Amino acid sequence: MLIEKSGFFWENKVKNWMEGAGGETLSPVLREDLKGLGMKLLAQLQSAGTKEGDPARVESLKQDLESFLQKVEFYQILNARSPEQTDRLYLFFPFWLGPSLQMVELNLSFPRKESAQGGKTGSHSFFC
């Protein structure tokens, strides 16, 4: 469920919504996806401009959101290959560590279907 709402599947959710919307709004899709929420907030910040709040904080928040959305897209690109073409999966998760939000990166390596040596191979996990 965490991965489903992580933003990695945003475009697929929008596509499914477009194919079967039947008059439904996009709001439930936006509420249930981190990338969708980030894009909505960024659009609101950009349309508000410097009218509300501290302009330096608003600009900093916009830059942070743009950086976060770009990171999601980079991870989507890393994971774009089909499972038959790759033996790795790259993910990241937001965690509150102490007083601030941190992104924990996870790299999962799976054994290839056909080992070159013919022996056993294991799976590997790498947290960063």
N, C-alpha and C. Protein backbone atom coordinates (compact mmCIF):
# COMPACT_ATOMS: atom_id res chain seq x y z
N MET A 1 0.81 -1.18 0.00
CA MET A 1 0.00 0.00 0.00
C MET A 1 0.87 1.26 0.00
N LEU A 2 1.97 1.25 0.73
CA LEU A 2 2.87 2.40 0.76
C LEU A 2 3.45 2.66 -0.63
N ILE A 3 3.85 1.62 -1.33
CA ILE A 3 4.42 1.78 -2.66
C ILE A 3 3.35 2.27 -3.63
N GLU A 4 2.12 1.78 -3.48
CA GLU A 4 1.03 2.19 -4.36
C GLU A 4 0.75 3.69 -4.27
N LYS A 5 0.95 4.28 -3.10
CA LYS A 5 0.68 5.70 -2.90
C LYS A 5 1.93 6.56 -2.99
N SER A 6 3.06 5.97 -3.38
CA SER A 6 4.35 6.65 -3.36
C SER A 6 4.55 7.64 -4.50
N GLY A 7 3.72 7.58 -5.53
CA GLY A 7 3.90 8.45 -6.68
C GLY A 7 4.50 7.74 -7.87
N PHE A 8 5.02 6.54 -7.66
CA PHE A 8 5.66 5.81 -8.74
C PHE A 8 4.66 5.38 -9.83
N PHE A 9 3.39 5.30 -9.49
CA PHE A 9 2.38 4.82 -10.43
C PHE A 9 1.38 5.91 -10.82
N TRP A 10 1.74 7.17 -10.62
CA TRP A 10 0.84 8.29 -10.86
C TRP A 10 0.26 8.29 -12.27
N GLU A 11 1.10 8.20 -13.28
CA GLU A 11 0.62 8.27 -14.66
C GLU A 11 -0.32 7.12 -14.98
N ASN A 12 -0.02 5.95 -14.45
CA ASN A 12 -0.90 4.80 -14.67
C ASN A 12 -2.26 5.01 -14.01
N LYS A 13 -2.27 5.61 -12.82
CA LYS A 13 -3.54 5.90 -12.14
C LYS A 13 -4.37 6.90 -12.94
N VAL A 14 -3.71 7.92 -13.48
CA VAL A 14 -4.42 8.92 -14.27
C VAL A 14 -4.98 8.27 -15.53
N LYS A 15 -4.20 7.43 -16.16
CA LYS A 15 -4.66 6.71 -17.37
C LYS A 15 -5.89 5.87 -17.04
N ASN A 16 -5.84 5.12 -15.95
CA ASN A 16 -6.98 4.30 -15.55
C ASN A 16 -8.20 5.16 -15.23
N TRP A 17 -7.97 6.31 -14.59
CA TRP A 17 -9.05 7.22 -14.29
C TRP A 17 -9.70 7.74 -15.57
N MET A 18 -8.86 8.10 -16.56
CA MET A 18 -9.37 8.62 -17.83
C MET A 18 -10.18 7.58 -18.58
N GLU A 19 -9.75 6.34 -18.52
CA GLU A 19 -10.44 5.27 -19.23
C GLU A 19 -11.76 4.88 -18.57
N GLY A 20 -11.89 5.06 -17.26
CA GLY A 20 -13.10 4.61 -16.59
C GLY A 20 -13.74 5.64 -15.69
N ALA A 21 -13.46 6.92 -15.93
CA ALA A 21 -13.93 7.97 -15.02
C ALA A 21 -15.45 7.99 -14.90
N GLY A 22 -16.16 7.99 -16.00
CA GLY A 22 -17.62 8.01 -15.94
C GLY A 22 -18.16 9.18 -15.14
N GLY A 23 -17.54 10.35 -15.25
CA GLY A 23 -18.03 11.53 -14.55
C GLY A 23 -17.39 11.75 -13.19
N GLU A 24 -16.61 10.83 -12.70
CA GLU A 24 -15.95 11.02 -11.41
C GLU A 24 -14.87 12.08 -11.52
N THR A 25 -14.61 12.77 -10.41
CA THR A 25 -13.55 13.77 -10.41
C THR A 25 -12.20 13.11 -10.17
N LEU A 26 -11.16 13.86 -10.44
CA LEU A 26 -9.80 13.36 -10.24
C LEU A 26 -9.38 13.46 -8.77
N SER A 27 -10.16 14.11 -7.94
CA SER A 27 -9.79 14.35 -6.53
C SER A 27 -9.39 13.10 -5.76
N PRO A 28 -10.13 11.98 -5.84
CA PRO A 28 -9.69 10.79 -5.09
C PRO A 28 -8.32 10.29 -5.54
N VAL A 29 -8.04 10.40 -6.84
CA VAL A 29 -6.74 9.96 -7.35
C VAL A 29 -5.66 10.88 -6.80
N LEU A 30 -5.92 12.18 -6.76
CA LEU A 30 -4.94 13.13 -6.23
C LEU A 30 -4.68 12.90 -4.75
N ARG A 31 -5.73 12.65 -3.98
CA ARG A 31 -5.59 12.47 -2.53
C ARG A 31 -4.80 11.22 -2.18
N GLU A 32 -4.81 10.25 -3.05
CA GLU A 32 -4.21 8.96 -2.72
C GLU A 32 -2.87 8.72 -3.39
N ASP A 33 -2.20 9.78 -3.83
CA ASP A 33 -0.92 9.60 -4.49
C ASP A 33 0.01 10.75 -4.13
N LEU A 34 1.19 10.43 -3.66
CA LEU A 34 2.15 11.42 -3.21
C LEU A 34 2.60 12.35 -4.34
N LYS A 35 2.81 11.81 -5.52
CA LYS A 35 3.22 12.64 -6.66
C LYS A 35 2.07 13.55 -7.07
N GLY A 36 0.86 13.04 -7.07
CA GLY A 36 -0.31 13.85 -7.40
C GLY A 36 -0.50 15.00 -6.43
N LEU A 37 -0.36 14.70 -5.14
CA LEU A 37 -0.47 15.76 -4.13
C LEU A 37 0.63 16.80 -4.28
N GLY A 38 1.84 16.33 -4.55
CA GLY A 38 2.96 17.26 -4.75
C GLY A 38 2.74 18.16 -5.95
N MET A 39 2.23 17.59 -7.04
CA MET A 39 1.97 18.39 -8.23
C MET A 39 0.85 19.41 -7.98
N LYS A 40 -0.17 19.01 -7.24
CA LYS A 40 -1.28 19.91 -6.93
C LYS A 40 -0.79 21.07 -6.05
N LEU A 41 0.00 20.76 -5.03
CA LEU A 41 0.53 21.80 -4.15
C LEU A 41 1.46 22.74 -4.91
N LEU A 42 2.29 22.20 -5.78
CA LEU A 42 3.21 23.03 -6.56
C LEU A 42 2.42 23.98 -7.46
N ALA A 43 1.37 23.48 -8.09
CA ALA A 43 0.54 24.33 -8.95
C ALA A 43 -0.11 25.45 -8.13
N GLN A 44 -0.56 25.13 -6.93
CA GLN A 44 -1.17 26.15 -6.07
C GLN A 44 -0.14 27.19 -5.65
N LEU A 45 1.05 26.75 -5.32
CA LEU A 45 2.11 27.69 -4.94
C LEU A 45 2.51 28.59 -6.11
N GLN A 46 2.56 28.02 -7.29
CA GLN A 46 2.95 28.81 -8.47
C GLN A 46 1.87 29.82 -8.84
N SER A 47 0.61 29.44 -8.68
CA SER A 47 -0.47 30.38 -9.02
C SER A 47 -0.61 31.46 -7.97
N ALA A 48 -0.28 31.16 -6.73
CA ALA A 48 -0.36 32.16 -5.66
C ALA A 48 0.74 33.21 -5.80
N GLY A 49 1.86 32.80 -6.39
CA GLY A 49 2.98 33.72 -6.53
C GLY A 49 3.51 34.16 -5.18
N THR A 50 3.76 35.44 -5.05
CA THR A 50 4.30 35.98 -3.80
C THR A 50 3.24 36.78 -3.05
N LYS A 51 1.97 36.57 -3.37
CA LYS A 51 0.89 37.31 -2.72
C LYS A 51 0.72 36.93 -1.26
N GLU A 52 0.92 35.66 -0.95
CA GLU A 52 0.65 35.17 0.39
C GLU A 52 1.93 34.64 1.04
N GLY A 53 2.09 34.95 2.31
CA GLY A 53 3.20 34.38 3.06
C GLY A 53 4.53 35.03 2.76
N ASP A 54 5.55 34.48 3.37
CA ASP A 54 6.92 34.93 3.19
C ASP A 54 7.42 34.48 1.82
N PRO A 55 7.78 35.39 0.92
CA PRO A 55 8.20 35.01 -0.44
C PRO A 55 9.40 34.05 -0.46
N ALA A 56 10.33 34.23 0.47
CA ALA A 56 11.51 33.35 0.51
C ALA A 56 11.11 31.93 0.89
N ARG A 57 10.19 31.78 1.86
CA ARG A 57 9.73 30.43 2.26
C ARG A 57 8.93 29.78 1.15
N VAL A 58 8.08 30.56 0.48
CA VAL A 58 7.28 30.02 -0.62
C VAL A 58 8.20 29.54 -1.74
N GLU A 59 9.21 30.33 -2.08
CA GLU A 59 10.15 29.95 -3.13
C GLU A 59 10.94 28.71 -2.73
N SER A 60 11.35 28.63 -1.47
CA SER A 60 12.08 27.46 -0.97
C SER A 60 11.20 26.21 -1.05
N LEU A 61 9.95 26.34 -0.67
CA LEU A 61 9.02 25.21 -0.73
C LEU A 61 8.81 24.76 -2.17
N LYS A 62 8.68 25.72 -3.09
CA LYS A 62 8.52 25.36 -4.51
C LYS A 62 9.74 24.58 -5.01
N GLN A 63 10.93 25.05 -4.65
CA GLN A 63 12.15 24.36 -5.07
C GLN A 63 12.23 22.95 -4.48
N ASP A 64 11.85 22.81 -3.21
CA ASP A 64 11.85 21.49 -2.57
C ASP A 64 10.85 20.55 -3.25
N LEU A 65 9.67 21.07 -3.57
CA LEU A 65 8.66 20.24 -4.24
C LEU A 65 9.11 19.84 -5.63
N GLU A 66 9.69 20.77 -6.36
CA GLU A 66 10.19 20.45 -7.70
C GLU A 66 11.28 19.39 -7.62
N SER A 67 12.17 19.51 -6.64
CA SER A 67 13.22 18.52 -6.45
C SER A 67 12.64 17.15 -6.11
N PHE A 68 11.64 17.13 -5.22
CA PHE A 68 10.99 15.87 -4.85
C PHE A 68 10.31 15.23 -6.07
N LEU A 69 9.56 16.01 -6.82
CA LEU A 69 8.86 15.46 -7.99
C LEU A 69 9.85 14.94 -9.03
N GLN A 70 10.97 15.64 -9.18
CA GLN A 70 12.00 15.18 -10.11
C GLN A 70 12.60 13.85 -9.64
N LYS A 71 12.78 13.72 -8.34
CA LYS A 71 13.31 12.47 -7.78
C LYS A 71 12.36 11.31 -8.05
N VAL A 72 11.06 11.54 -7.86
CA VAL A 72 10.07 10.50 -8.15
C VAL A 72 10.17 10.09 -9.62
N GLU A 73 10.28 11.06 -10.51
CA GLU A 73 10.39 10.75 -11.94
C GLU A 73 11.67 10.00 -12.27
N PHE A 74 12.77 10.34 -11.63
CA PHE A 74 14.02 9.60 -11.85
C PHE A 74 13.86 8.13 -11.41
N TYR A 75 13.22 7.92 -10.29
CA TYR A 75 12.99 6.55 -9.84
C TYR A 75 12.04 5.82 -10.77
N GLN A 76 11.07 6.53 -11.32
CA GLN A 76 10.18 5.90 -12.29
C GLN A 76 10.99 5.45 -13.51
N ILE A 77 11.93 6.27 -13.94
CA ILE A 77 12.77 5.92 -15.09
C ILE A 77 13.64 4.71 -14.76
N LEU A 78 14.24 4.71 -13.57
CA LEU A 78 15.07 3.57 -13.16
C LEU A 78 14.29 2.27 -13.15
N ASN A 79 13.02 2.34 -12.82
CA ASN A 79 12.19 1.14 -12.71
C ASN A 79 11.34 0.89 -13.95
N ALA A 80 11.60 1.62 -15.05
CA ALA A 80 10.75 1.53 -16.24
C ALA A 80 10.88 0.20 -16.98
N ARG A 81 11.99 -0.47 -16.82
CA ARG A 81 12.17 -1.74 -17.54
C ARG A 81 11.28 -2.81 -16.95
N SER A 82 10.85 -3.71 -17.79
CA SER A 82 9.99 -4.79 -17.31
C SER A 82 10.79 -5.74 -16.42
N PRO A 83 10.10 -6.47 -15.54
CA PRO A 83 10.79 -7.39 -14.63
C PRO A 83 11.65 -8.42 -15.35
N GLU A 84 11.30 -8.76 -16.57
CA GLU A 84 12.10 -9.74 -17.32
C GLU A 84 13.43 -9.15 -17.77
N GLN A 85 13.52 -7.81 -17.87
CA GLN A 85 14.72 -7.17 -18.37
C GLN A 85 15.68 -6.71 -17.28
N THR A 86 15.27 -6.76 -16.04
CA THR A 86 16.13 -6.24 -14.97
C THR A 86 16.09 -7.15 -13.75
N ASP A 87 17.11 -7.03 -12.93
CA ASP A 87 17.16 -7.80 -11.69
C ASP A 87 17.20 -6.87 -10.48
N ARG A 88 16.83 -5.58 -10.70
CA ARG A 88 16.87 -4.60 -9.61
C ARG A 88 15.59 -3.79 -9.54
N LEU A 89 15.30 -3.34 -8.33
CA LEU A 89 14.16 -2.47 -8.08
C LEU A 89 14.64 -1.34 -7.17
N TYR A 90 14.37 -0.10 -7.56
CA TYR A 90 14.81 1.06 -6.80
C TYR A 90 13.58 1.77 -6.23
N LEU A 91 13.60 2.01 -4.93
CA LEU A 91 12.49 2.67 -4.25
C LEU A 91 13.02 3.69 -3.25
N PHE A 92 12.16 4.60 -2.85
CA PHE A 92 12.48 5.45 -1.71
C PHE A 92 11.20 5.70 -0.93
N PHE A 93 11.37 5.89 0.37
CA PHE A 93 10.24 6.06 1.27
C PHE A 93 10.47 7.27 2.16
N PRO A 94 9.45 8.05 2.39
CA PRO A 94 9.58 9.15 3.34
C PRO A 94 9.44 8.64 4.78
N PHE A 95 10.34 9.04 5.65
CA PHE A 95 10.30 8.68 7.06
C PHE A 95 10.60 9.91 7.90
N TRP A 96 9.88 10.03 9.01
CA TRP A 96 10.20 11.09 9.97
C TRP A 96 11.27 10.53 10.89
N LEU A 97 12.45 11.11 10.84
CA LEU A 97 13.55 10.74 11.72
C LEU A 97 13.90 11.95 12.55
N GLY A 98 13.57 11.88 13.82
CA GLY A 98 13.78 13.05 14.67
C GLY A 98 12.81 14.14 14.28
N PRO A 99 13.29 15.36 14.17
CA PRO A 99 12.39 16.48 13.88
C PRO A 99 12.15 16.74 12.39
N SER A 100 12.76 15.95 11.51
CA SER A 100 12.63 16.26 10.09
C SER A 100 12.29 15.03 9.25
N LEU A 101 11.81 15.33 8.07
CA LEU A 101 11.47 14.29 7.09
C LEU A 101 12.73 13.88 6.35
N GLN A 102 12.97 12.58 6.25
CA GLN A 102 14.12 12.04 5.53
C GLN A 102 13.62 11.05 4.49
N MET A 103 14.33 10.95 3.39
CA MET A 103 14.00 9.96 2.37
C MET A 103 14.98 8.80 2.51
N VAL A 104 14.45 7.62 2.68
CA VAL A 104 15.26 6.41 2.80
C VAL A 104 15.19 5.69 1.46
N GLU A 105 16.34 5.45 0.88
CA GLU A 105 16.40 4.81 -0.41
C GLU A 105 16.64 3.31 -0.24
N LEU A 106 15.99 2.54 -1.09
CA LEU A 106 16.07 1.09 -1.01
C LEU A 106 16.36 0.55 -2.40
N ASN A 107 17.38 -0.28 -2.50
CA ASN A 107 17.74 -0.94 -3.75
C ASN A 107 17.64 -2.43 -3.51
N LEU A 108 16.75 -3.09 -4.23
CA LEU A 108 16.59 -4.54 -4.12
C LEU A 108 17.21 -5.19 -5.35
N SER A 109 18.09 -6.14 -5.13
CA SER A 109 18.70 -6.91 -6.22
C SER A 109 18.24 -8.35 -6.11
N PHE A 110 17.70 -8.85 -7.18
CA PHE A 110 17.18 -10.21 -7.22
C PHE A 110 18.10 -11.09 -8.05
N PRO A 111 18.11 -12.39 -7.77
CA PRO A 111 18.96 -13.27 -8.58
C PRO A 111 18.43 -13.33 -10.01
N ARG A 112 19.36 -13.43 -10.94
CA ARG A 112 18.96 -13.58 -12.33
C ARG A 112 18.32 -14.95 -12.51
N LYS A 113 17.45 -15.04 -13.48
CA LYS A 113 16.75 -16.31 -13.69
C LYS A 113 17.72 -17.42 -14.06
N GLU A 114 18.72 -17.07 -14.86
CA GLU A 114 19.72 -18.05 -15.27
C GLU A 114 21.09 -17.57 -14.82
N SER A 115 21.65 -18.22 -13.84
CA SER A 115 22.96 -17.86 -13.34
C SER A 115 24.04 -18.33 -14.31
N ALA A 116 25.04 -17.49 -14.56
CA ALA A 116 26.13 -17.84 -15.48
C ALA A 116 26.94 -19.02 -14.96
N GLN A 117 27.10 -19.11 -13.62
CA GLN A 117 27.88 -20.19 -13.04
C GLN A 117 27.02 -21.43 -12.79
N GLY A 118 25.75 -21.29 -12.87
CA GLY A 118 24.87 -22.42 -12.61
C GLY A 118 24.67 -22.69 -11.13
N GLY A 119 25.24 -21.86 -10.27
CA GLY A 119 25.12 -22.06 -8.83
C GLY A 119 24.00 -21.21 -8.25
N LYS A 120 23.91 -21.27 -6.94
CA LYS A 120 22.88 -20.49 -6.26
C LYS A 120 23.31 -19.04 -6.15
N THR A 121 22.35 -18.16 -6.31
CA THR A 121 22.58 -16.74 -6.10
C THR A 121 21.55 -16.23 -5.12
N GLY A 122 21.89 -15.20 -4.41
CA GLY A 122 20.97 -14.66 -3.40
C GLY A 122 20.43 -13.30 -3.78
N SER A 123 19.50 -12.86 -2.98
CA SER A 123 18.95 -11.52 -3.14
C SER A 123 19.70 -10.57 -2.22
N HIS A 124 19.76 -9.30 -2.61
CA HIS A 124 20.46 -8.31 -1.81
C HIS A 124 19.56 -7.10 -1.61
N SER A 125 19.68 -6.49 -0.44
CA SER A 125 18.97 -5.25 -0.13
C SER A 125 20.00 -4.23 0.30
N PHE A 126 19.82 -3.00 -0.15
CA PHE A 126 20.72 -1.92 0.21
C PHE A 126 19.90 -0.71 0.61
N PHE A 127 20.07 -0.26 1.85
CA PHE A 127 19.39 0.94 2.35
C PHE A 127 20.38 2.09 2.38
N CYS A 128 19.89 3.25 2.04
CA CYS A 128 20.75 4.44 2.06
C CYS A 128 19.99 5.59 2.66
